[in-house]
Amino acid sequence: MERAMEQLNRLTRSLRRARTVELPEDNETAVYTLMPMVMADQHRSVSELLSNSKFDVNYAFGRVKRSLLHIAANCGSVECLVLLLKKGANPNYQDISGCTPLHLAARNG
């Protein structure tokens, strides 16, 4: 998580300098770059990073194999949730315990 925050800070600084920023090539690193932005509902930054990448929006990560859509639903990040759905995220994907993003949204209000 610390590594992701460091990458997020680097990305933020470079965005301020109006440089083109790209996600890392591998999904594992990219997801930990995007996750803090999704949690903070920074949909413009997420949109910009996703627009020029080959990142799989249905990539499942972590112990429970959740996607970024699960994270957005769990945190109430509505704008990022809509963006991820438009980018093709699967709303029916289940984590290892059988929870979909809708289950998490309902559980957390």
N, C-alpha and C. Protein backbone atom coordinates (compact mmCIF):
# COMPACT_ATOMS: atom_id res chain seq x y z
N MET A 1 0.82 -1.18 0.00
CA MET A 1 0.00 0.00 0.00
C MET A 1 0.87 1.26 0.00
N GLU A 2 1.99 1.17 0.74
CA GLU A 2 2.90 2.32 0.79
C GLU A 2 3.47 2.61 -0.59
N ARG A 3 3.78 1.54 -1.32
CA ARG A 3 4.31 1.69 -2.67
C ARG A 3 3.28 2.35 -3.58
N ALA A 4 2.02 1.98 -3.42
CA ALA A 4 0.96 2.57 -4.23
C ALA A 4 0.80 4.05 -3.94
N MET A 5 0.90 4.43 -2.68
CA MET A 5 0.78 5.85 -2.31
C MET A 5 1.95 6.64 -2.87
N GLU A 6 3.14 6.05 -2.85
CA GLU A 6 4.31 6.71 -3.42
C GLU A 6 4.12 6.92 -4.92
N GLN A 7 3.59 5.90 -5.61
CA GLN A 7 3.33 6.03 -7.04
C GLN A 7 2.25 7.07 -7.31
N LEU A 8 1.23 7.08 -6.47
CA LEU A 8 0.16 8.07 -6.63
C LEU A 8 0.71 9.48 -6.48
N ASN A 9 1.57 9.70 -5.51
CA ASN A 9 2.17 11.02 -5.32
C ASN A 9 3.01 11.41 -6.53
N ARG A 10 3.76 10.45 -7.08
CA ARG A 10 4.55 10.72 -8.27
C ARG A 10 3.66 11.07 -9.46
N LEU A 11 2.59 10.32 -9.63
CA LEU A 11 1.65 10.60 -10.71
C LEU A 11 1.01 11.97 -10.56
N THR A 12 0.62 12.30 -9.34
CA THR A 12 0.00 13.59 -9.07
C THR A 12 0.94 14.73 -9.41
N ARG A 13 2.20 14.59 -9.00
CA ARG A 13 3.19 15.64 -9.30
C ARG A 13 3.38 15.79 -10.81
N SER A 14 3.45 14.68 -11.51
CA SER A 14 3.67 14.77 -12.95
C SER A 14 2.43 15.30 -13.67
N LEU A 15 1.23 15.00 -13.16
CA LEU A 15 0.02 15.57 -13.74
C LEU A 15 0.00 17.08 -13.57
N ARG A 16 0.47 17.53 -12.44
CA ARG A 16 0.53 18.99 -12.21
C ARG A 16 1.46 19.67 -13.21
N ARG A 17 2.49 18.95 -13.64
CA ARG A 17 3.42 19.52 -14.61
C ARG A 17 2.94 19.31 -16.03
N ALA A 18 1.72 18.79 -16.19
CA ALA A 18 1.08 18.59 -17.50
C ALA A 18 1.85 17.66 -18.41
N ARG A 19 2.51 16.69 -17.82
CA ARG A 19 3.17 15.67 -18.62
C ARG A 19 2.20 14.53 -18.84
N THR A 20 2.44 13.78 -19.88
CA THR A 20 1.63 12.60 -20.13
C THR A 20 2.04 11.52 -19.15
N VAL A 21 1.05 10.97 -18.48
CA VAL A 21 1.30 9.92 -17.49
C VAL A 21 0.65 8.64 -17.98
N GLU A 22 1.35 7.54 -17.82
CA GLU A 22 0.82 6.25 -18.22
C GLU A 22 0.87 5.29 -17.06
N LEU A 23 -0.05 4.35 -17.09
CA LEU A 23 -0.06 3.29 -16.10
C LEU A 23 1.08 2.32 -16.39
N PRO A 24 1.56 1.66 -15.35
CA PRO A 24 2.55 0.61 -15.60
C PRO A 24 1.94 -0.47 -16.49
N GLU A 25 2.78 -1.18 -17.20
CA GLU A 25 2.34 -2.20 -18.15
C GLU A 25 1.61 -3.36 -17.49
N ASP A 26 2.11 -3.84 -16.34
CA ASP A 26 1.50 -5.02 -15.74
C ASP A 26 0.30 -4.64 -14.87
N ASN A 27 -0.73 -5.47 -14.93
CA ASN A 27 -1.97 -5.20 -14.20
C ASN A 27 -1.77 -5.12 -12.70
N GLU A 28 -0.89 -5.94 -12.15
CA GLU A 28 -0.67 -5.97 -10.70
C GLU A 28 -0.18 -4.62 -10.18
N THR A 29 0.77 -4.03 -10.85
CA THR A 29 1.28 -2.72 -10.43
C THR A 29 0.26 -1.63 -10.74
N ALA A 30 -0.37 -1.72 -11.89
CA ALA A 30 -1.35 -0.71 -12.30
C ALA A 30 -2.53 -0.65 -11.34
N VAL A 31 -3.01 -1.80 -10.89
CA VAL A 31 -4.18 -1.80 -10.01
C VAL A 31 -3.87 -1.10 -8.68
N TYR A 32 -2.65 -1.26 -8.18
CA TYR A 32 -2.29 -0.61 -6.92
C TYR A 32 -2.00 0.88 -7.13
N THR A 33 -1.80 1.29 -8.35
CA THR A 33 -1.69 2.71 -8.68
C THR A 33 -3.08 3.33 -8.74
N LEU A 34 -4.02 2.60 -9.34
CA LEU A 34 -5.38 3.10 -9.52
C LEU A 34 -6.23 3.03 -8.24
N MET A 35 -5.98 2.03 -7.40
CA MET A 35 -6.84 1.80 -6.24
C MET A 35 -7.02 3.02 -5.34
N PRO A 36 -5.96 3.72 -4.92
CA PRO A 36 -6.19 4.89 -4.06
C PRO A 36 -7.01 5.98 -4.76
N MET A 37 -6.86 6.10 -6.07
CA MET A 37 -7.64 7.09 -6.81
C MET A 37 -9.12 6.70 -6.86
N VAL A 38 -9.37 5.41 -7.03
CA VAL A 38 -10.76 4.93 -7.04
C VAL A 38 -11.36 5.14 -5.66
N MET A 39 -10.62 4.83 -4.61
CA MET A 39 -11.12 4.99 -3.24
C MET A 39 -11.45 6.45 -2.95
N ALA A 40 -10.69 7.37 -3.53
CA ALA A 40 -10.92 8.80 -3.33
C ALA A 40 -11.88 9.37 -4.36
N ASP A 41 -12.42 8.53 -5.24
CA ASP A 41 -13.36 8.92 -6.30
C ASP A 41 -12.78 10.00 -7.21
N GLN A 42 -11.50 9.86 -7.53
CA GLN A 42 -10.83 10.80 -8.45
C GLN A 42 -11.04 10.30 -9.88
N HIS A 43 -12.29 10.38 -10.34
CA HIS A 43 -12.66 9.79 -11.62
C HIS A 43 -11.96 10.41 -12.81
N ARG A 44 -11.62 11.67 -12.75
CA ARG A 44 -10.93 12.29 -13.89
C ARG A 44 -9.53 11.71 -14.05
N SER A 45 -8.83 11.55 -12.95
CA SER A 45 -7.49 10.96 -13.01
C SER A 45 -7.55 9.52 -13.46
N VAL A 46 -8.51 8.77 -12.93
CA VAL A 46 -8.67 7.37 -13.31
C VAL A 46 -9.00 7.28 -14.80
N SER A 47 -9.90 8.13 -15.26
CA SER A 47 -10.29 8.13 -16.67
C SER A 47 -9.10 8.41 -17.57
N GLU A 48 -8.32 9.40 -17.20
CA GLU A 48 -7.15 9.76 -18.01
C GLU A 48 -6.15 8.61 -18.08
N LEU A 49 -5.90 7.97 -16.95
CA LEU A 49 -4.95 6.87 -16.93
C LEU A 49 -5.46 5.66 -17.71
N LEU A 50 -6.75 5.38 -17.61
CA LEU A 50 -7.31 4.23 -18.32
C LEU A 50 -7.41 4.46 -19.81
N SER A 51 -7.57 5.71 -20.22
CA SER A 51 -7.79 5.99 -21.64
C SER A 51 -6.61 5.60 -22.52
N ASN A 52 -5.42 5.65 -22.00
CA ASN A 52 -4.23 5.35 -22.80
C ASN A 52 -3.54 4.06 -22.38
N SER A 53 -4.28 3.16 -21.72
CA SER A 53 -3.63 1.95 -21.23
C SER A 53 -4.34 0.70 -21.71
N LYS A 54 -3.69 -0.41 -21.50
CA LYS A 54 -4.26 -1.72 -21.83
C LYS A 54 -4.71 -2.42 -20.56
N PHE A 55 -4.92 -1.69 -19.50
CA PHE A 55 -5.31 -2.26 -18.21
C PHE A 55 -6.65 -2.99 -18.34
N ASP A 56 -6.72 -4.17 -17.78
CA ASP A 56 -7.95 -4.97 -17.76
C ASP A 56 -8.79 -4.53 -16.57
N VAL A 57 -9.90 -3.82 -16.82
CA VAL A 57 -10.74 -3.30 -15.73
C VAL A 57 -11.39 -4.41 -14.92
N ASN A 58 -11.34 -5.64 -15.40
CA ASN A 58 -11.88 -6.77 -14.65
C ASN A 58 -10.80 -7.56 -13.91
N TYR A 59 -9.60 -7.00 -13.85
CA TYR A 59 -8.49 -7.66 -13.17
C TYR A 59 -8.82 -7.84 -11.69
N ALA A 60 -8.76 -9.08 -11.22
CA ALA A 60 -9.04 -9.39 -9.81
C ALA A 60 -7.73 -9.51 -9.05
N PHE A 61 -7.67 -8.89 -7.90
CA PHE A 61 -6.40 -8.84 -7.16
C PHE A 61 -6.64 -9.05 -5.67
N GLY A 62 -5.57 -9.22 -4.96
CA GLY A 62 -5.63 -9.37 -3.51
C GLY A 62 -6.08 -10.77 -3.10
N ARG A 63 -6.15 -10.97 -1.78
CA ARG A 63 -6.54 -12.27 -1.23
C ARG A 63 -7.94 -12.69 -1.64
N VAL A 64 -8.86 -11.73 -1.70
CA VAL A 64 -10.26 -12.07 -1.99
C VAL A 64 -10.62 -11.92 -3.46
N LYS A 65 -9.64 -11.58 -4.29
CA LYS A 65 -9.83 -11.48 -5.74
C LYS A 65 -10.98 -10.54 -6.12
N ARG A 66 -10.87 -9.30 -5.69
CA ARG A 66 -11.85 -8.29 -6.04
C ARG A 66 -11.30 -7.41 -7.16
N SER A 67 -12.21 -6.80 -7.89
CA SER A 67 -11.83 -5.89 -8.97
C SER A 67 -11.94 -4.45 -8.47
N LEU A 68 -11.51 -3.51 -9.30
CA LEU A 68 -11.65 -2.10 -8.94
C LEU A 68 -13.13 -1.70 -8.80
N LEU A 69 -14.01 -2.39 -9.52
CA LEU A 69 -15.44 -2.12 -9.38
C LEU A 69 -15.91 -2.49 -7.98
N HIS A 70 -15.40 -3.57 -7.41
CA HIS A 70 -15.70 -3.92 -6.03
C HIS A 70 -15.24 -2.82 -5.08
N ILE A 71 -14.04 -2.30 -5.33
CA ILE A 71 -13.48 -1.26 -4.47
C ILE A 71 -14.33 0.00 -4.55
N ALA A 72 -14.70 0.41 -5.75
CA ALA A 72 -15.53 1.61 -5.93
C ALA A 72 -16.88 1.45 -5.23
N ALA A 73 -17.49 0.28 -5.38
CA ALA A 73 -18.79 0.03 -4.75
C ALA A 73 -18.67 0.01 -3.23
N ASN A 74 -17.61 -0.58 -2.75
CA ASN A 74 -17.39 -0.69 -1.30
C ASN A 74 -17.15 0.68 -0.67
N CYS A 75 -16.49 1.58 -1.39
CA CYS A 75 -16.15 2.91 -0.86
C CYS A 75 -17.20 3.97 -1.18
N GLY A 76 -18.16 3.63 -2.00
CA GLY A 76 -19.16 4.62 -2.40
C GLY A 76 -18.63 5.63 -3.41
N SER A 77 -17.66 5.22 -4.19
CA SER A 77 -17.07 6.08 -5.21
C SER A 77 -17.91 6.00 -6.49
N VAL A 78 -19.01 6.73 -6.48
CA VAL A 78 -20.02 6.61 -7.53
C VAL A 78 -19.48 6.99 -8.90
N GLU A 79 -18.76 8.09 -9.01
CA GLU A 79 -18.25 8.52 -10.32
C GLU A 79 -17.28 7.49 -10.90
N CYS A 80 -16.42 6.94 -10.06
CA CYS A 80 -15.49 5.92 -10.54
C CYS A 80 -16.24 4.64 -10.90
N LEU A 81 -17.27 4.32 -10.15
CA LEU A 81 -18.07 3.15 -10.44
C LEU A 81 -18.70 3.26 -11.82
N VAL A 82 -19.29 4.40 -12.12
CA VAL A 82 -19.89 4.64 -13.43
C VAL A 82 -18.82 4.56 -14.52
N LEU A 83 -17.69 5.19 -14.29
CA LEU A 83 -16.60 5.17 -15.26
C LEU A 83 -16.14 3.74 -15.55
N LEU A 84 -15.94 2.95 -14.51
CA LEU A 84 -15.48 1.57 -14.69
C LEU A 84 -16.51 0.73 -15.45
N LEU A 85 -17.79 0.97 -15.17
CA LEU A 85 -18.83 0.26 -15.92
C LEU A 85 -18.79 0.64 -17.40
N LYS A 86 -18.59 1.93 -17.68
CA LYS A 86 -18.49 2.38 -19.08
C LYS A 86 -17.27 1.78 -19.77
N LYS A 87 -16.23 1.52 -19.01
CA LYS A 87 -15.00 0.94 -19.57
C LYS A 87 -15.10 -0.58 -19.71
N GLY A 88 -16.24 -1.16 -19.30
CA GLY A 88 -16.44 -2.58 -19.51
C GLY A 88 -16.29 -3.47 -18.29
N ALA A 89 -16.24 -2.89 -17.09
CA ALA A 89 -16.13 -3.70 -15.88
C ALA A 89 -17.37 -4.58 -15.73
N ASN A 90 -17.17 -5.80 -15.30
CA ASN A 90 -18.25 -6.77 -15.14
C ASN A 90 -18.93 -6.60 -13.78
N PRO A 91 -20.18 -6.13 -13.74
CA PRO A 91 -20.87 -5.93 -12.47
C PRO A 91 -21.27 -7.24 -11.80
N ASN A 92 -21.19 -8.35 -12.51
CA ASN A 92 -21.58 -9.65 -11.97
C ASN A 92 -20.41 -10.49 -11.50
N TYR A 93 -19.20 -9.94 -11.59
CA TYR A 93 -18.03 -10.70 -11.16
C TYR A 93 -18.09 -10.92 -9.65
N GLN A 94 -17.84 -12.14 -9.21
CA GLN A 94 -17.88 -12.48 -7.79
C GLN A 94 -16.47 -12.68 -7.25
N ASP A 95 -16.23 -12.15 -6.05
CA ASP A 95 -14.95 -12.41 -5.40
C ASP A 95 -14.97 -13.84 -4.85
N ILE A 96 -13.95 -14.24 -4.10
CA ILE A 96 -13.89 -15.63 -3.66
C ILE A 96 -14.99 -16.00 -2.66
N SER A 97 -15.61 -15.01 -2.03
CA SER A 97 -16.71 -15.31 -1.11
C SER A 97 -18.07 -15.17 -1.79
N GLY A 98 -18.08 -14.93 -3.09
CA GLY A 98 -19.33 -14.85 -3.83
C GLY A 98 -19.98 -13.48 -3.87
N CYS A 99 -19.28 -12.45 -3.39
CA CYS A 99 -19.83 -11.09 -3.37
C CYS A 99 -19.59 -10.38 -4.71
N THR A 100 -20.63 -9.75 -5.20
CA THR A 100 -20.52 -8.89 -6.37
C THR A 100 -20.36 -7.45 -5.87
N PRO A 101 -20.02 -6.51 -6.74
CA PRO A 101 -19.95 -5.12 -6.32
C PRO A 101 -21.28 -4.63 -5.71
N LEU A 102 -22.40 -5.10 -6.24
CA LEU A 102 -23.70 -4.71 -5.70
C LEU A 102 -23.88 -5.17 -4.27
N HIS A 103 -23.40 -6.37 -3.95
CA HIS A 103 -23.47 -6.84 -2.57
C HIS A 103 -22.72 -5.90 -1.63
N LEU A 104 -21.53 -5.48 -2.06
CA LEU A 104 -20.73 -4.59 -1.21
C LEU A 104 -21.38 -3.23 -1.07
N ALA A 105 -21.95 -2.71 -2.16
CA ALA A 105 -22.63 -1.41 -2.10
C ALA A 105 -23.82 -1.47 -1.15
N ALA A 106 -24.59 -2.56 -1.24
CA ALA A 106 -25.76 -2.70 -0.36
C ALA A 106 -25.34 -2.87 1.10
N ARG A 107 -24.27 -3.60 1.32
CA ARG A 107 -23.79 -3.84 2.69
C ARG A 107 -23.32 -2.54 3.35
N ASN A 108 -22.72 -1.67 2.56
CA ASN A 108 -22.12 -0.45 3.11
C ASN A 108 -22.97 0.81 2.87
N GLY A 109 -24.13 0.64 2.36
CA GLY A 109 -25.04 1.77 2.18
C GLY A 109 -24.66 2.64 1.04
